Each structure stands twice: as structure tokens, then as C-alpha cells.
Amino acid sequence: MTSTSTKIPIWFWVLSILMLLWNLSGVASFVYHVFFSELAFAAMPEAERDIMINYPLFAKVAFAIAVFGGLMGCIGLLAKRKWAKSFFLASMLGIAIQVTHDLFMTPILEVYGNDALVMPILIFGIGSFLLWFSNYSIKKEYLQ
């Protein structure tokens, strides 16, 4: 439990806010993909459209768990709560399922090339970092 003598460093707050902004961009991406407009959909190349049409419900649910878990985890960090770690763990599960689906069950690499690897690697890396960071923050007694 955070005692009055445990001073939380400023970098903790800066990092937590930056990660909150990162996760808000993930939520925006989720909303964009789920509520895709017909006009934007019609303007897509056929190969991209096929990926969107065939995107299964389980992958959308994993996407939602990944982004909203990360968002709630960051809110937990800013609220100084240990439960942040549980949300980051759920987020990592969602990330793992979504990345596995996207890279191994869709033609995404054929459609976008190797550039399609950048975001999944970045997302997995940041998600892993946030899970580690929440555990570190619990050990340092920054979170209650």
C-alpha cells in the first residue's frame, strides 16, 4: 500500500499520461475499424476490402479487449491502483490473439508487405512494457 512517505516520481506521471494517450489512439483505431463508413469502405482497394469483410467476430472482440484493457490499465496507473496490472494482462491476451490472427490467418503481409509488421511489433512491445511497468509500480509501492 502506498504510504505517505512513498513519493511517486514525476516520470511515473509523464509516462502514465503518454501511455494513456497511446491507448486512446488504440480506442480511436478500434472505433474507426468497427464503425467504418460505407463511403470509406467503397474507396478501399479490393484486397483491403476483403480483409475487412472477412474479419471475424473473435478478432474484433480481441481488439476491443486489447484497447479497452490498455485504456483501463492506464486509468488505473493514474488512479494509483494495483488493478491496473489485471487490465494490462487482459490487454496482452487481446493483443496476442489479434496479432496472431492478423499475421497468420489473413493475407495482410501480402496486401501491405513487411510494413504490416511494424504496428503489431510496436503494440506487443508497448503492451508488454505496460504489464511490466504496472508490476514494477506495485513493487515500488506507487500503486495501492
Protein backbone atom coordinates (compact mmCIF):
# COMPACT_ATOMS: atom_id res chain seq x y z
CA MET A 1 0.00 0.00 0.00
CA THR A 2 1.30 3.47 -0.83
CA SER A 3 2.37 5.21 2.30
CA THR A 4 2.64 8.94 2.74
CA SER A 5 6.44 8.51 2.66
CA THR A 6 6.41 6.89 -0.80
CA LYS A 7 6.96 9.72 -3.22
CA ILE A 8 5.90 8.92 -6.76
CA PRO A 9 8.41 10.39 -9.24
CA ILE A 10 7.31 12.84 -11.89
CA TRP A 11 8.45 10.49 -14.67
CA PHE A 12 5.79 8.00 -13.50
CA TRP A 13 3.06 10.58 -14.18
CA VAL A 14 4.57 11.68 -17.50
CA LEU A 15 4.92 8.08 -18.69
CA SER A 16 1.41 7.18 -17.49
CA ILE A 17 -0.10 10.13 -19.36
CA LEU A 18 1.85 9.31 -22.54
CA MET A 19 0.67 5.70 -22.34
CA LEU A 20 -2.90 6.88 -21.76
CA LEU A 21 -2.65 8.92 -24.98
CA TRP A 22 -1.22 5.88 -26.79
CA ASN A 23 -4.14 3.74 -25.63
CA LEU A 24 -6.66 6.43 -26.56
CA SER A 25 -5.27 6.26 -30.09
CA GLY A 26 -5.90 2.50 -29.95
CA VAL A 27 -9.51 3.13 -28.93
CA ALA A 28 -9.85 5.59 -31.83
CA SER A 29 -8.49 2.94 -34.20
CA PHE A 30 -10.97 0.39 -32.84
CA VAL A 31 -13.90 2.78 -33.31
CA TYR A 32 -12.69 3.58 -36.83
CA HIS A 33 -12.48 -0.11 -37.75
CA VAL A 34 -15.78 -1.14 -36.18
CA PHE A 35 -17.81 1.82 -37.44
CA PHE A 36 -16.23 2.04 -40.87
CA SER A 37 -18.23 4.28 -43.19
CA GLU A 38 -19.67 2.88 -46.41
CA LEU A 39 -18.01 5.66 -48.39
CA ALA A 40 -14.54 4.86 -46.98
CA PHE A 41 -15.18 1.15 -47.46
CA ALA A 42 -16.11 1.64 -51.11
CA ALA A 43 -12.94 3.65 -51.73
CA MET A 44 -10.65 0.83 -50.49
CA PRO A 45 -8.75 -1.43 -52.86
CA GLU A 46 -10.40 -4.83 -53.23
CA ALA A 47 -7.70 -6.75 -51.31
CA GLU A 48 -8.06 -4.45 -48.28
CA ARG A 49 -11.84 -4.63 -48.50
CA ASP A 50 -11.65 -8.44 -48.45
CA ILE A 51 -9.63 -8.36 -45.23
CA MET A 52 -12.22 -6.08 -43.61
CA ILE A 53 -15.20 -8.13 -44.82
CA ASN A 54 -13.72 -11.38 -43.55
CA TYR A 55 -12.57 -10.05 -40.17
CA PRO A 56 -14.13 -12.48 -37.66
CA LEU A 57 -16.00 -11.55 -34.51
CA PHE A 58 -13.42 -13.19 -32.22
CA ALA A 59 -10.70 -10.93 -33.65
CA LYS A 60 -12.88 -7.84 -33.13
CA VAL A 61 -13.54 -8.92 -29.53
CA ALA A 62 -9.80 -9.45 -29.02
CA PHE A 63 -9.18 -5.96 -30.48
CA ALA A 64 -11.71 -4.48 -28.03
CA ILE A 65 -10.15 -6.29 -25.05
CA ALA A 66 -6.69 -5.14 -26.13
CA VAL A 67 -7.53 -1.44 -26.45
CA PHE A 68 -10.04 -1.06 -23.64
CA GLY A 69 -7.91 -3.17 -21.31
CA GLY A 70 -4.95 -0.92 -22.04
CA LEU A 71 -7.08 2.19 -21.53
CA MET A 72 -8.40 0.96 -18.19
CA GLY A 73 -4.89 -0.08 -17.15
CA CYS A 74 -3.61 3.44 -17.81
CA ILE A 75 -6.52 4.92 -15.88
CA GLY A 76 -5.56 2.54 -13.07
CA LEU A 77 -1.98 3.80 -13.16
CA LEU A 78 -3.15 7.40 -12.91
CA ALA A 79 -5.51 6.44 -10.06
CA LYS A 80 -2.59 4.62 -8.37
CA ARG A 81 -4.46 1.30 -8.25
CA LYS A 82 -3.00 -2.22 -8.35
CA TRP A 83 -5.87 -3.43 -10.50
CA ALA A 84 -4.14 -1.72 -13.43
CA LYS A 85 -1.99 -4.85 -13.77
CA SER A 86 -5.07 -7.05 -14.30
CA PHE A 87 -6.26 -4.82 -17.14
CA PHE A 88 -2.82 -4.84 -18.76
CA LEU A 89 -2.79 -8.64 -18.52
CA ALA A 90 -6.20 -8.79 -20.25
CA SER A 91 -4.95 -6.32 -22.83
CA MET A 92 -1.93 -8.53 -23.59
CA LEU A 93 -4.21 -11.51 -24.09
CA GLY A 94 -6.27 -9.48 -26.57
CA ILE A 95 -3.12 -8.27 -28.32
CA ALA A 96 -1.74 -11.80 -28.63
CA ILE A 97 -4.99 -13.11 -30.14
CA GLN A 98 -5.41 -10.20 -32.54
CA VAL A 99 -1.78 -10.17 -33.71
CA THR A 100 -1.81 -13.93 -34.22
CA HIS A 101 -4.99 -13.66 -36.26
CA ASP A 102 -3.84 -10.70 -38.32
CA LEU A 103 -0.39 -12.04 -39.17
CA PHE A 104 -1.13 -15.74 -39.59
CA MET A 105 -4.78 -16.01 -40.59
CA THR A 106 -5.13 -13.14 -43.06
CA PRO A 107 -3.23 -12.12 -46.21
CA ILE A 108 -2.19 -8.87 -44.52
CA LEU A 109 1.51 -9.33 -45.32
CA GLU A 110 0.70 -9.99 -48.97
CA VAL A 111 -1.52 -6.91 -49.15
CA TYR A 112 0.64 -4.44 -47.20
CA GLY A 113 4.08 -6.07 -47.33
CA ASN A 114 6.55 -6.22 -44.47
CA ASP A 115 5.46 -2.76 -43.31
CA ALA A 116 2.45 -4.55 -41.81
CA LEU A 117 4.80 -5.98 -39.14
CA VAL A 118 5.67 -2.61 -37.62
CA MET A 119 2.44 -1.89 -35.73
CA PRO A 120 1.92 -5.39 -34.31
CA ILE A 121 5.51 -5.45 -33.01
CA LEU A 122 5.14 -1.95 -31.56
CA ILE A 123 1.78 -2.77 -29.96
CA PHE A 124 3.07 -6.03 -28.48
CA GLY A 125 6.18 -4.26 -27.17
CA ILE A 126 4.27 -1.41 -25.55
CA GLY A 127 1.68 -3.80 -24.11
CA SER A 128 4.46 -5.93 -22.61
CA PHE A 129 6.14 -2.84 -21.22
CA LEU A 130 2.91 -1.66 -19.59
CA LEU A 131 2.39 -5.04 -17.93
CA TRP A 132 5.97 -4.94 -16.62
CA PHE A 133 5.61 -1.28 -15.59
CA SER A 134 2.46 -1.96 -13.58
CA ASN A 135 4.22 -4.80 -11.76
CA TYR A 136 7.25 -2.56 -11.15
CA SER A 137 4.97 0.18 -9.83
CA ILE A 138 3.31 -2.27 -7.43
CA LYS A 139 6.72 -3.38 -6.12
CA LYS A 140 7.80 0.25 -5.69
CA GLU A 141 4.51 0.86 -3.83
CA TYR A 142 3.35 3.53 -6.28
CA LEU A 143 0.08 1.62 -6.67
CA GLN A 144 -2.33 0.64 -3.88
